[in-house]
Structures are given as structure tokens and as C-alpha cells.
Amino acid sequence: GFLCSFFQTSAFVRSDKPKLFRGLQIKYVRGSDPVLKLLDDSGNIAEELSILKWNTDSVEEFLSEKLERI
């Protein structure tokens, strides 16, 4: 699954779109740049991507490739 750290004002997070992806968790980290963390089956971080310059469509497209939609 994925663990997303986002700015609280992110349009993606404020929309209903995160609910459409199975295995996606949103975590708010004050003062942190937005990142996507790919977790392995044990829940350890396998990969971390900075998405500071990504727009909502880019985030949704990336997650569509990686996660199952509900």
C-alpha cells in the first residue's frame, strides 16, 4: 500500500479521490513536504517519492497505476 504525507490544503486530499484507492493511507505531517511512501508487505518503507511539484492529476494517475481502485 501507500502512505501519503500531504499538506493539509492539498486539493487531492480534500477531495473524495483518496477513498477510491484500496490501501491508501493519508497522514498529515505539519511542516513537511508532501511525499508518497510505498510500503512492502511487512509495512516497511520500500520507496519514498517527493511529490512537491505534482498536481492532483499526477498523483491520481500514479496511484491508479499502483493501487486497485475501489
N, C-alpha and C. Protein backbone atom coordinates (compact mmCIF):
# COMPACT_ATOMS: atom_id res chain seq x y z
N GLY A 1 0.81 -1.19 0.00
CA GLY A 1 0.00 0.00 0.00
C GLY A 1 0.85 1.25 0.00
N PHE A 2 0.22 2.38 0.08
CA PHE A 2 0.90 3.66 0.09
C PHE A 2 0.53 4.45 1.33
N LEU A 3 1.48 5.17 1.82
CA LEU A 3 1.25 6.12 2.91
C LEU A 3 1.60 7.49 2.35
N CYS A 4 0.63 8.39 2.32
CA CYS A 4 0.87 9.72 1.76
C CYS A 4 0.97 10.74 2.87
N SER A 5 2.02 11.53 2.84
CA SER A 5 2.11 12.70 3.71
C SER A 5 1.86 13.92 2.82
N PHE A 6 0.86 14.68 3.15
CA PHE A 6 0.45 15.80 2.31
C PHE A 6 0.35 17.07 3.13
N PHE A 7 0.45 18.19 2.42
CA PHE A 7 0.00 19.43 3.03
C PHE A 7 -1.51 19.29 3.25
N GLN A 8 -2.00 19.78 4.33
CA GLN A 8 -3.41 19.64 4.63
C GLN A 8 -4.29 20.34 3.59
N THR A 9 -3.73 21.32 2.90
CA THR A 9 -4.51 22.07 1.93
C THR A 9 -4.51 21.43 0.54
N SER A 10 -3.86 20.29 0.39
CA SER A 10 -3.79 19.64 -0.91
C SER A 10 -5.19 19.35 -1.46
N ALA A 11 -5.40 19.73 -2.71
CA ALA A 11 -6.70 19.51 -3.35
C ALA A 11 -7.04 18.03 -3.43
N PHE A 12 -6.04 17.21 -3.65
CA PHE A 12 -6.28 15.76 -3.74
C PHE A 12 -6.82 15.22 -2.42
N VAL A 13 -6.19 15.63 -1.33
CA VAL A 13 -6.60 15.14 -0.01
C VAL A 13 -7.98 15.64 0.36
N ARG A 14 -8.30 16.86 -0.02
CA ARG A 14 -9.60 17.44 0.33
C ARG A 14 -10.73 16.88 -0.52
N SER A 15 -10.40 16.25 -1.64
CA SER A 15 -11.42 15.66 -2.50
C SER A 15 -11.82 14.28 -1.97
N ASP A 16 -12.76 13.64 -2.67
CA ASP A 16 -13.17 12.28 -2.31
C ASP A 16 -12.26 11.23 -2.94
N LYS A 17 -11.29 11.66 -3.74
CA LYS A 17 -10.48 10.71 -4.52
C LYS A 17 -9.67 9.73 -3.67
N PRO A 18 -9.10 10.14 -2.53
CA PRO A 18 -8.34 9.15 -1.76
C PRO A 18 -9.16 7.92 -1.35
N LYS A 19 -10.48 8.10 -1.20
CA LYS A 19 -11.33 6.98 -0.81
C LYS A 19 -11.47 5.94 -1.91
N LEU A 20 -11.08 6.30 -3.13
CA LEU A 20 -11.25 5.41 -4.27
C LEU A 20 -10.12 4.40 -4.41
N PHE A 21 -9.07 4.54 -3.61
CA PHE A 21 -7.90 3.68 -3.75
C PHE A 21 -7.75 2.77 -2.54
N ARG A 22 -7.73 1.46 -2.81
CA ARG A 22 -7.56 0.47 -1.74
C ARG A 22 -6.10 0.50 -1.28
N GLY A 23 -5.88 0.54 0.03
CA GLY A 23 -4.53 0.50 0.57
C GLY A 23 -3.85 1.85 0.68
N LEU A 24 -4.60 2.94 0.46
CA LEU A 24 -4.02 4.28 0.57
C LEU A 24 -4.33 4.86 1.93
N GLN A 25 -3.30 5.33 2.62
CA GLN A 25 -3.47 5.99 3.91
C GLN A 25 -2.96 7.42 3.78
N ILE A 26 -3.65 8.35 4.39
CA ILE A 26 -3.23 9.75 4.40
C ILE A 26 -2.74 10.09 5.80
N LYS A 27 -1.58 10.71 5.86
CA LYS A 27 -1.03 11.13 7.16
C LYS A 27 -0.63 12.59 7.02
N TYR A 28 -1.08 13.42 7.94
CA TYR A 28 -0.73 14.84 7.93
C TYR A 28 0.51 15.07 8.78
N VAL A 29 1.51 15.68 8.18
CA VAL A 29 2.75 15.99 8.90
C VAL A 29 2.99 17.49 8.76
N ARG A 30 2.78 18.22 9.83
CA ARG A 30 2.92 19.68 9.79
C ARG A 30 4.35 20.07 9.42
N GLY A 31 4.47 20.98 8.46
CA GLY A 31 5.78 21.49 8.07
C GLY A 31 6.57 20.57 7.16
N SER A 32 5.96 19.47 6.75
CA SER A 32 6.65 18.50 5.90
C SER A 32 6.26 18.69 4.45
N ASP A 33 7.21 18.46 3.55
CA ASP A 33 6.88 18.43 2.13
C ASP A 33 6.04 17.19 1.85
N PRO A 34 5.15 17.25 0.84
CA PRO A 34 4.32 16.09 0.54
C PRO A 34 5.14 14.97 -0.09
N VAL A 35 4.95 13.76 0.41
CA VAL A 35 5.66 12.60 -0.11
C VAL A 35 4.69 11.42 -0.22
N LEU A 36 5.03 10.52 -1.15
CA LEU A 36 4.37 9.23 -1.25
C LEU A 36 5.36 8.18 -0.78
N LYS A 37 4.91 7.29 0.08
CA LYS A 37 5.77 6.22 0.57
C LYS A 37 5.15 4.88 0.17
N LEU A 38 5.89 4.09 -0.58
CA LEU A 38 5.45 2.76 -0.95
C LEU A 38 5.88 1.79 0.14
N LEU A 39 4.91 1.08 0.68
CA LEU A 39 5.19 0.15 1.77
C LEU A 39 5.23 -1.28 1.23
N ASP A 40 6.15 -2.09 1.79
CA ASP A 40 6.19 -3.50 1.41
C ASP A 40 5.15 -4.28 2.21
N ASP A 41 5.10 -5.58 2.01
CA ASP A 41 4.07 -6.40 2.67
C ASP A 41 4.20 -6.40 4.19
N SER A 42 5.38 -6.07 4.68
CA SER A 42 5.59 -6.03 6.13
C SER A 42 5.30 -4.66 6.73
N GLY A 43 4.94 -3.68 5.86
CA GLY A 43 4.65 -2.34 6.33
C GLY A 43 5.88 -1.45 6.44
N ASN A 44 7.00 -1.93 5.93
CA ASN A 44 8.22 -1.12 5.91
C ASN A 44 8.26 -0.26 4.65
N ILE A 45 8.92 0.89 4.74
CA ILE A 45 9.00 1.79 3.59
C ILE A 45 9.97 1.21 2.56
N ALA A 46 9.44 0.91 1.37
CA ALA A 46 10.25 0.35 0.29
C ALA A 46 10.75 1.45 -0.64
N GLU A 47 9.97 2.51 -0.77
CA GLU A 47 10.32 3.60 -1.68
C GLU A 47 9.64 4.87 -1.20
N GLU A 48 10.31 6.00 -1.38
CA GLU A 48 9.74 7.29 -0.98
C GLU A 48 9.91 8.27 -2.12
N LEU A 49 8.83 8.92 -2.51
CA LEU A 49 8.84 9.86 -3.64
C LEU A 49 8.39 11.23 -3.17
N SER A 50 9.15 12.25 -3.52
CA SER A 50 8.71 13.62 -3.27
C SER A 50 7.68 13.99 -4.33
N ILE A 51 6.54 14.49 -3.90
CA ILE A 51 5.50 14.89 -4.86
C ILE A 51 5.19 16.38 -4.71
N LEU A 52 6.20 17.12 -4.27
CA LEU A 52 6.03 18.55 -4.03
C LEU A 52 5.51 19.28 -5.26
N LYS A 53 6.02 18.91 -6.43
CA LYS A 53 5.66 19.62 -7.67
C LYS A 53 4.60 18.91 -8.48
N TRP A 54 4.03 17.85 -7.93
CA TRP A 54 2.98 17.12 -8.64
C TRP A 54 1.65 17.82 -8.44
N ASN A 55 0.81 17.78 -9.49
CA ASN A 55 -0.55 18.30 -9.32
C ASN A 55 -1.49 17.13 -8.99
N THR A 56 -2.73 17.44 -8.74
CA THR A 56 -3.71 16.43 -8.34
C THR A 56 -3.83 15.34 -9.38
N ASP A 57 -3.85 15.71 -10.66
CA ASP A 57 -3.98 14.71 -11.72
C ASP A 57 -2.79 13.76 -11.74
N SER A 58 -1.60 14.29 -11.51
CA SER A 58 -0.39 13.45 -11.49
C SER A 58 -0.45 12.44 -10.35
N VAL A 59 -0.88 12.89 -9.19
CA VAL A 59 -0.99 11.99 -8.03
C VAL A 59 -2.01 10.90 -8.33
N GLU A 60 -3.16 11.29 -8.86
CA GLU A 60 -4.22 10.32 -9.14
C GLU A 60 -3.77 9.31 -10.20
N GLU A 61 -3.09 9.79 -11.23
CA GLU A 61 -2.62 8.90 -12.29
C GLU A 61 -1.60 7.89 -11.75
N PHE A 62 -0.67 8.37 -10.93
CA PHE A 62 0.34 7.49 -10.36
C PHE A 62 -0.30 6.42 -9.48
N LEU A 63 -1.23 6.83 -8.62
CA LEU A 63 -1.89 5.88 -7.74
C LEU A 63 -2.74 4.88 -8.52
N SER A 64 -3.32 5.33 -9.64
CA SER A 64 -4.13 4.44 -10.48
C SER A 64 -3.28 3.31 -11.04
N GLU A 65 -2.01 3.61 -11.32
CA GLU A 65 -1.11 2.58 -11.86
C GLU A 65 -0.67 1.61 -10.77
N LYS A 66 -0.58 2.08 -9.53
CA LYS A 66 -0.01 1.28 -8.45
C LYS A 66 -1.03 0.58 -7.56
N LEU A 67 -2.21 1.17 -7.41
CA LEU A 67 -3.19 0.65 -6.46
C LEU A 67 -4.49 0.26 -7.15
N GLU A 68 -5.20 -0.65 -6.52
CA GLU A 68 -6.51 -1.07 -7.02
C GLU A 68 -7.54 -0.01 -6.65
N ARG A 69 -8.39 0.32 -7.63
CA ARG A 69 -9.47 1.27 -7.34
C ARG A 69 -10.64 0.52 -6.70
N ILE A 70 -11.31 1.18 -5.80
CA ILE A 70 -12.47 0.59 -5.13
C ILE A 70 -13.71 0.90 -5.94
